[in-house]
Amino acid sequence: MKRRTVVILVVALALGVATSALASGRRITCYTAQTRTLVPFCGNIQETIRWQSVIEQSVIRYAGNLNEIHFYSANGRAGRFDNFVVWVCHTTRTNLSRTFDENYYGSARRVKGPVSFTTPARVGWFPLGLTSTYAYNNRNHLLIELRYYGDNGVGVEVYNAQDLGGNRTIWSFNRTASTAANAIGRAFHWVLYFDYYTATEPTSLGRVKALYR
């Protein structure tokens, strides 16, 4: 009887740890802030954009359901962006093609919009407010795409990071463009939030520790 009680307690503890870890998810800060840019939130320059940027797998390092994407506002302005849409997709490219659709590895998933999106009037991290998650596989890189049309004429400076070479970010001031007119080698300063798969041996305490170390 005592042995059975001990076994039950151990299993219950393992399940409890797994549930707690899975519920807490993971916050991943990508790259280091270095410079400010009005792209992609360039409301005082252009009223429309199609924009893509890539985050390398080596920077993320975890599989799971992506449920939040944050930028860092440098000027704390309340820019409103209409018909705002966020797409996410795996990609095998770090040097992005200027042809937008060639950067998708599989099908892109729309995780927000179209909506009217307003950035908060404060300096600091702000979420894009995703309405659905994206299952990131931790094998490919992650491609994030923004599109909008219409705004309140306010540009919001966000931070980007080191120049990594190639085309790490591409855009055109036309949300229906097939080809990007602009490209830079800079990564962006992001925070990603993940809610992890419950299918990865949730009853294994050792496995959970390995995933959440």
C-alpha atoms as a PDB file:
ATOM      1  CA  MET A   1       0.000   0.000   0.000  1.00  0.00           C
ATOM      2  CA  LYS A   2       2.783   2.412   0.911  1.00  0.00           C
ATOM      3  CA  ARG A   3       4.640   1.660  -2.325  1.00  0.00           C
ATOM      4  CA  ARG A   4       1.501   2.327  -4.389  1.00  0.00           C
ATOM      5  CA  THR A   5       0.956   5.601  -2.541  1.00  0.00           C
ATOM      6  CA  VAL A   6       4.537   6.680  -3.245  1.00  0.00           C
ATOM      7  CA  VAL A   7       4.214   5.805  -6.940  1.00  0.00           C
ATOM      8  CA  ILE A   8       0.959   7.741  -7.203  1.00  0.00           C
ATOM      9  CA  LEU A   9       2.549  10.750  -5.522  1.00  0.00           C
ATOM     10  CA  VAL A  10       5.575  10.680  -7.841  1.00  0.00           C
ATOM     11  CA  VAL A  11       3.376  10.478 -10.948  1.00  0.00           C
ATOM     12  CA  ALA A  12       1.158  13.253  -9.626  1.00  0.00           C
ATOM     13  CA  LEU A  13       4.169  15.465  -8.978  1.00  0.00           C
ATOM     14  CA  ALA A  14       5.531  14.797 -12.446  1.00  0.00           C
ATOM     15  CA  LEU A  15       2.174  15.664 -13.984  1.00  0.00           C
ATOM     16  CA  GLY A  16       1.966  18.758 -11.849  1.00  0.00           C
ATOM     17  CA  VAL A  17       5.379  19.982 -12.955  1.00  0.00           C
ATOM     18  CA  ALA A  18       4.553  19.279 -16.582  1.00  0.00           C
ATOM     19  CA  THR A  19       1.259  21.130 -16.371  1.00  0.00           C
ATOM     20  CA  SER A  20       2.870  24.093 -14.653  1.00  0.00           C
ATOM     21  CA  ALA A  21       5.721  24.320 -17.162  1.00  0.00           C
ATOM     22  CA  LEU A  22       3.452  23.951 -20.152  1.00  0.00           C
ATOM     23  CA  ALA A  23       1.102  26.601 -18.836  1.00  0.00           C
ATOM     24  CA  SER A  24       3.908  29.086 -18.271  1.00  0.00           C
ATOM     25  CA  GLY A  25       5.310  28.818 -21.799  1.00  0.00           C
ATOM     26  CA  ARG A  26       8.506  30.574 -22.786  1.00  0.00           C
ATOM     27  CA  ARG A  27       9.531  34.167 -23.502  1.00  0.00           C
ATOM     28  CA  ILE A  28      12.320  34.510 -26.069  1.00  0.00           C
ATOM     29  CA  THR A  29      14.060  37.811 -26.772  1.00  0.00           C
ATOM     30  CA  CYS A  30      15.529  37.864 -30.272  1.00  0.00           C
ATOM     31  CA  TYR A  31      18.574  39.951 -31.128  1.00  0.00           C
ATOM     32  CA  THR A  32      19.798  43.109 -29.384  1.00  0.00           C
ATOM     33  CA  ALA A  33      18.340  46.578 -29.941  1.00  0.00           C
ATOM     34  CA  GLN A  34      20.746  48.867 -31.777  1.00  0.00           C
ATOM     35  CA  THR A  35      18.995  51.302 -34.110  1.00  0.00           C
ATOM     36  CA  ARG A  36      15.556  52.818 -34.603  1.00  0.00           C
ATOM     37  CA  THR A  37      13.464  52.488 -37.733  1.00  0.00           C
ATOM     38  CA  LEU A  38      10.025  53.642 -38.882  1.00  0.00           C
ATOM     39  CA  VAL A  39       9.618  50.547 -41.037  1.00  0.00           C
ATOM     40  CA  PRO A  40       7.235  48.746 -40.851  1.00  0.00           C
ATOM     41  CA  PHE A  41       5.127  51.273 -38.865  1.00  0.00           C
ATOM     42  CA  CYS A  42       5.763  54.206 -41.213  1.00  0.00           C
ATOM     43  CA  GLY A  43       2.433  56.028 -40.989  1.00  0.00           C
ATOM     44  CA  ASN A  44       3.904  59.480 -41.457  1.00  0.00           C
ATOM     45  CA  ILE A  45       5.775  58.400 -44.611  1.00  0.00           C
ATOM     46  CA  GLN A  46       3.567  55.861 -46.390  1.00  0.00           C
ATOM     47  CA  GLU A  47       0.046  54.570 -45.808  1.00  0.00           C
ATOM     48  CA  THR A  48       0.566  51.017 -47.008  1.00  0.00           C
ATOM     49  CA  ILE A  49       3.206  48.298 -46.722  1.00  0.00           C
ATOM     50  CA  ARG A  50       4.009  44.650 -47.311  1.00  0.00           C
ATOM     51  CA  TRP A  51       6.920  43.665 -45.056  1.00  0.00           C
ATOM     52  CA  GLN A  52       8.750  40.416 -44.219  1.00  0.00           C
ATOM     53  CA  SER A  53      11.500  39.657 -41.715  1.00  0.00           C
ATOM     54  CA  VAL A  54      13.198  36.403 -40.734  1.00  0.00           C
ATOM     55  CA  ILE A  55      14.247  35.083 -37.313  1.00  0.00           C
ATOM     56  CA  GLU A  56      16.848  32.317 -37.349  1.00  0.00           C
ATOM     57  CA  GLN A  57      16.135  28.952 -35.738  1.00  0.00           C
ATOM     58  CA  SER A  58      19.360  29.235 -33.719  1.00  0.00           C
ATOM     59  CA  VAL A  59      17.935  32.328 -32.023  1.00  0.00           C
ATOM     60  CA  ILE A  60      14.590  30.681 -31.119  1.00  0.00           C
ATOM     61  CA  ARG A  61      15.725  27.116 -30.253  1.00  0.00           C
ATOM     62  CA  TYR A  62      12.348  25.819 -29.027  1.00  0.00           C
ATOM     63  CA  ALA A  63       9.378  24.159 -30.731  1.00  0.00           C
ATOM     64  CA  GLY A  64       5.874  25.114 -29.752  1.00  0.00           C
ATOM     65  CA  ASN A  65       2.806  27.196 -30.401  1.00  0.00           C
ATOM     66  CA  LEU A  66       3.735  30.797 -31.058  1.00  0.00           C
ATOM     67  CA  ASN A  67       0.991  32.876 -29.453  1.00  0.00           C
ATOM     68  CA  GLU A  68       2.434  36.386 -29.171  1.00  0.00           C
ATOM     69  CA  ILE A  69       4.830  38.640 -31.080  1.00  0.00           C
ATOM     70  CA  HIS A  70       6.132  41.905 -29.598  1.00  0.00           C
ATOM     71  CA  PHE A  71       8.010  44.888 -31.017  1.00  0.00           C
ATOM     72  CA  TYR A  72       9.808  47.497 -28.913  1.00  0.00           C
ATOM     73  CA  SER A  73       8.475  51.033 -29.427  1.00  0.00           C
ATOM     74  CA  ALA A  74      11.265  53.614 -29.222  1.00  0.00           C
ATOM     75  CA  ASN A  75       9.170  56.776 -29.488  1.00  0.00           C
ATOM     76  CA  GLY A  76       5.951  55.687 -27.751  1.00  0.00           C
ATOM     77  CA  ARG A  77       3.565  57.083 -30.345  1.00  0.00           C
ATOM     78  CA  ALA A  78       0.009  55.884 -30.962  1.00  0.00           C
ATOM     79  CA  GLY A  79      -0.001  54.971 -34.628  1.00  0.00           C
ATOM     80  CA  ARG A  80      -3.173  53.466 -36.076  1.00  0.00           C
ATOM     81  CA  PHE A  81      -2.793  51.030 -38.960  1.00  0.00           C
ATOM     82  CA  ASP A  82      -5.903  49.957 -40.866  1.00  0.00           C
ATOM     83  CA  ASN A  83      -6.583  46.647 -42.626  1.00  0.00           C
ATOM     84  CA  PHE A  84      -3.664  45.339 -40.577  1.00  0.00           C
ATOM     85  CA  VAL A  85      -2.761  41.674 -41.126  1.00  0.00           C
ATOM     86  CA  VAL A  86      -0.031  39.446 -39.658  1.00  0.00           C
ATOM     87  CA  TRP A  87       1.138  36.261 -41.401  1.00  0.00           C
ATOM     88  CA  VAL A  88       3.613  33.690 -40.073  1.00  0.00           C
ATOM     89  CA  CYS A  89       5.376  30.899 -41.929  1.00  0.00           C
ATOM     90  CA  HIS A  90       8.395  28.624 -41.754  1.00  0.00           C
ATOM     91  CA  THR A  91      11.212  29.477 -44.141  1.00  0.00           C
ATOM     92  CA  THR A  92      14.472  27.860 -45.183  1.00  0.00           C
ATOM     93  CA  ARG A  93      15.974  31.233 -46.100  1.00  0.00           C
ATOM     94  CA  THR A  94      18.087  33.605 -44.070  1.00  0.00           C
ATOM     95  CA  ASN A  95      18.805  35.661 -47.188  1.00  0.00           C
ATOM     96  CA  LEU A  96      15.263  36.453 -48.273  1.00  0.00           C
ATOM     97  CA  SER A  97      14.215  36.519 -51.894  1.00  0.00           C
ATOM     98  CA  ARG A  98      12.781  39.850 -53.037  1.00  0.00           C
ATOM     99  CA  THR A  99       9.840  37.862 -54.388  1.00  0.00           C
ATOM    100  CA  PHE A 100       7.698  37.617 -51.268  1.00  0.00           C
ATOM    101  CA  ASP A 101       5.998  34.284 -51.936  1.00  0.00           C
ATOM    102  CA  GLU A 102       9.315  32.520 -52.594  1.00  0.00           C
ATOM    103  CA  ASN A 103      10.191  32.906 -48.898  1.00  0.00           C
ATOM    104  CA  TYR A 104       7.333  30.713 -47.665  1.00  0.00           C
ATOM    105  CA  TYR A 105       8.195  27.141 -46.699  1.00  0.00           C
ATOM    106  CA  GLY A 106       4.758  25.566 -46.747  1.00  0.00           C
ATOM    107  CA  SER A 107       1.602  27.590 -46.239  1.00  0.00           C
ATOM    108  CA  ALA A 108       1.660  30.934 -44.473  1.00  0.00           C
ATOM    109  CA  ARG A 109      -0.847  31.243 -41.637  1.00  0.00           C
ATOM    110  CA  ARG A 110      -2.787  34.422 -40.968  1.00  0.00           C
ATOM    111  CA  VAL A 111      -2.596  34.954 -37.220  1.00  0.00           C
ATOM    112  CA  LYS A 112      -4.189  38.406 -37.023  1.00  0.00           C
ATOM    113  CA  GLY A 113      -6.576  40.594 -38.990  1.00  0.00           C
ATOM    114  CA  PRO A 114      -7.604  42.325 -41.009  1.00  0.00           C
ATOM    115  CA  VAL A 115      -8.234  44.795 -38.178  1.00  0.00           C
ATOM    116  CA  SER A 116      -7.514  48.385 -37.212  1.00  0.00           C
ATOM    117  CA  PHE A 117      -4.435  48.150 -34.987  1.00  0.00           C
ATOM    118  CA  THR A 118      -3.175  50.969 -32.748  1.00  0.00           C
ATOM    119  CA  THR A 119       0.201  50.896 -31.021  1.00  0.00           C
ATOM    120  CA  PRO A 120       0.207  51.979 -27.350  1.00  0.00           C
ATOM    121  CA  ALA A 121       1.289  55.547 -26.544  1.00  0.00           C
ATOM    122  CA  ARG A 122       4.272  54.510 -24.455  1.00  0.00           C
ATOM    123  CA  VAL A 123       7.881  53.437 -24.907  1.00  0.00           C
ATOM    124  CA  GLY A 124       8.467  49.705 -24.462  1.00  0.00           C
ATOM    125  CA  TRP A 125       7.330  46.312 -25.695  1.00  0.00           C
ATOM    126  CA  PHE A 126       3.914  46.054 -27.335  1.00  0.00           C
ATOM    127  CA  PRO A 127       2.103  42.958 -28.653  1.00  0.00           C
ATOM    128  CA  LEU A 128       0.576  42.545 -32.072  1.00  0.00           C
ATOM    129  CA  GLY A 129      -2.365  40.804 -30.394  1.00  0.00           C
ATOM    130  CA  LEU A 130      -2.516  37.541 -32.359  1.00  0.00           C
ATOM    131  CA  THR A 131      -5.901  35.887 -32.687  1.00  0.00           C
ATOM    132  CA  SER A 132      -4.547  32.413 -33.493  1.00  0.00           C
ATOM    133  CA  THR A 133      -1.338  30.494 -32.777  1.00  0.00           C
ATOM    134  CA  TYR A 134       1.328  29.127 -35.104  1.00  0.00           C
ATOM    135  CA  ALA A 135       2.985  25.733 -34.574  1.00  0.00           C
ATOM    136  CA  TYR A 136       6.706  26.416 -34.902  1.00  0.00           C
ATOM    137  CA  ASN A 137       8.813  23.291 -35.611  1.00  0.00           C
ATOM    138  CA  ASN A 138      12.273  24.438 -34.375  1.00  0.00           C
ATOM    139  CA  ARG A 139      13.857  23.092 -37.571  1.00  0.00           C
ATOM    140  CA  ASN A 140      13.290  25.951 -40.005  1.00  0.00           C
ATOM    141  CA  HIS A 141      13.613  29.676 -39.559  1.00  0.00           C
ATOM    142  CA  LEU A 142      10.569  31.795 -38.761  1.00  0.00           C
ATOM    143  CA  LEU A 143       9.176  34.296 -41.258  1.00  0.00           C
ATOM    144  CA  ILE A 144       6.921  37.121 -40.054  1.00  0.00           C
ATOM    145  CA  GLU A 145       4.951  39.234 -42.498  1.00  0.00           C
ATOM    146  CA  LEU A 146       2.942  42.417 -41.887  1.00  0.00           C
ATOM    147  CA  ARG A 147       0.591  44.177 -44.255  1.00  0.00           C
ATOM    148  CA  TYR A 148      -1.667  47.179 -43.816  1.00  0.00           C
ATOM    149  CA  TYR A 149      -3.452  49.839 -45.808  1.00  0.00           C
ATOM    150  CA  GLY A 150      -4.436  53.181 -44.276  1.00  0.00           C
ATOM    151  CA  ASP A 151      -3.329  54.914 -41.076  1.00  0.00           C
ATOM    152  CA  ASN A 152      -3.667  58.042 -38.939  1.00  0.00           C
ATOM    153  CA  GLY A 153      -0.456  59.584 -40.255  1.00  0.00           C
ATOM    154  CA  VAL A 154       1.638  58.671 -37.217  1.00  0.00           C
ATOM    155  CA  GLY A 155       4.940  56.804 -37.592  1.00  0.00           C
ATOM    156  CA  VAL A 156       6.112  54.526 -34.798  1.00  0.00           C
ATOM    157  CA  GLU A 157       9.845  53.936 -34.388  1.00  0.00           C
ATOM    158  CA  VAL A 158      10.770  50.383 -33.376  1.00  0.00           C
ATOM    159  CA  TYR A 159      14.163  48.879 -32.693  1.00  0.00           C
ATOM    160  CA  ASN A 160      16.042  46.677 -35.087  1.00  0.00           C
ATOM    161  CA  ALA A 161      19.338  44.950 -34.478  1.00  0.00           C
ATOM    162  CA  GLN A 162      22.657  44.011 -35.975  1.00  0.00           C
ATOM    163  CA  ASP A 163      23.314  43.797 -39.689  1.00  0.00           C
ATOM    164  CA  LEU A 164      23.572  40.074 -40.407  1.00  0.00           C
ATOM    165  CA  GLY A 165      24.156  40.452 -44.131  1.00  0.00           C
ATOM    166  CA  GLY A 166      21.924  39.483 -47.027  1.00  0.00           C
ATOM    167  CA  ASN A 167      18.246  40.388 -47.097  1.00  0.00           C
ATOM    168  CA  ARG A 168      17.007  39.776 -43.548  1.00  0.00           C
ATOM    169  CA  THR A 169      14.090  42.191 -43.982  1.00  0.00           C
ATOM    170  CA  ILE A 170      12.297  43.161 -47.197  1.00  0.00           C
ATOM    171  CA  TRP A 171       9.368  45.461 -47.957  1.00  0.00           C
ATOM    172  CA  SER A 172       7.413  47.458 -50.506  1.00  0.00           C
ATOM    173  CA  PHE A 173       5.092  50.393 -49.891  1.00  0.00           C
ATOM    174  CA  ASN A 174       2.292  48.395 -51.468  1.00  0.00           C
ATOM    175  CA  ARG A 175       0.585  45.661 -49.475  1.00  0.00           C
ATOM    176  CA  THR A 176      -0.337  43.690 -52.612  1.00  0.00           C
ATOM    177  CA  ALA A 177       3.163  43.843 -54.126  1.00  0.00           C
ATOM    178  CA  SER A 178       4.676  40.569 -55.321  1.00  0.00           C
ATOM    179  CA  THR A 179       8.236  41.905 -55.316  1.00  0.00           C
ATOM    180  CA  ALA A 180      10.009  43.919 -52.605  1.00  0.00           C
ATOM    181  CA  ALA A 181      11.579  47.193 -53.637  1.00  0.00           C
ATOM    182  CA  ASN A 182      13.584  47.498 -50.423  1.00  0.00           C
ATOM    183  CA  ALA A 183      15.848  45.141 -48.480  1.00  0.00           C
ATOM    184  CA  ILE A 184      18.231  45.385 -45.515  1.00  0.00           C
ATOM    185  CA  GLY A 185      20.488  42.951 -43.697  1.00  0.00           C
ATOM    186  CA  ARG A 186      19.258  43.988 -40.249  1.00  0.00           C
ATOM    187  CA  ALA A 187      17.355  41.670 -37.960  1.00  0.00           C
ATOM    188  CA  PHE A 188      14.629  43.078 -35.713  1.00  0.00           C
ATOM    189  CA  HIS A 189      14.445  43.239 -31.941  1.00  0.00           C
ATOM    190  CA  TRP A 190      11.558  40.947 -30.983  1.00  0.00           C
ATOM    191  CA  VAL A 191      10.030  39.127 -28.084  1.00  0.00           C
ATOM    192  CA  LEU A 192       8.257  35.875 -28.932  1.00  0.00           C
ATOM    193  CA  TYR A 193       5.972  34.009 -26.550  1.00  0.00           C
ATOM    194  CA  PHE A 194       5.371  30.280 -26.898  1.00  0.00           C
ATOM    195  CA  ASP A 195       2.850  27.881 -25.396  1.00  0.00           C
ATOM    196  CA  TYR A 196       4.461  24.440 -25.625  1.00  0.00           C
ATOM    197  CA  TYR A 197       3.142  21.204 -27.132  1.00  0.00           C
ATOM    198  CA  THR A 198       1.546  18.858 -24.629  1.00  0.00           C
ATOM    199  CA  ALA A 199       2.396  15.958 -26.956  1.00  0.00           C
ATOM    200  CA  THR A 200       6.079  15.988 -25.992  1.00  0.00           C
ATOM    201  CA  GLU A 201       6.080  13.377 -23.213  1.00  0.00           C
ATOM    202  CA  PRO A 202       4.152  15.515 -20.691  1.00  0.00           C
ATOM    203  CA  THR A 203       4.436  12.825 -18.008  1.00  0.00           C
ATOM    204  CA  SER A 204       8.215  12.617 -18.192  1.00  0.00           C
ATOM    205  CA  LEU A 205       9.763  14.839 -15.545  1.00  0.00           C
ATOM    206  CA  GLY A 206      13.204  14.548 -17.098  1.00  0.00           C
ATOM    207  CA  ARG A 207      11.870  15.490 -20.511  1.00  0.00           C
ATOM    208  CA  VAL A 208      10.062  18.491 -19.090  1.00  0.00           C
ATOM    209  CA  LYS A 209      13.238  19.647 -17.333  1.00  0.00           C
ATOM    210  CA  ALA A 210      15.142  19.335 -20.604  1.00  0.00           C
ATOM    211  CA  LEU A 211      12.573  21.385 -22.473  1.00  0.00           C
ATOM    212  CA  TYR A 212      12.265  24.141 -19.910  1.00  0.00           C
ATOM    213  CA  ARG A 213      15.813  24.540 -18.632  1.00  0.00           C
END
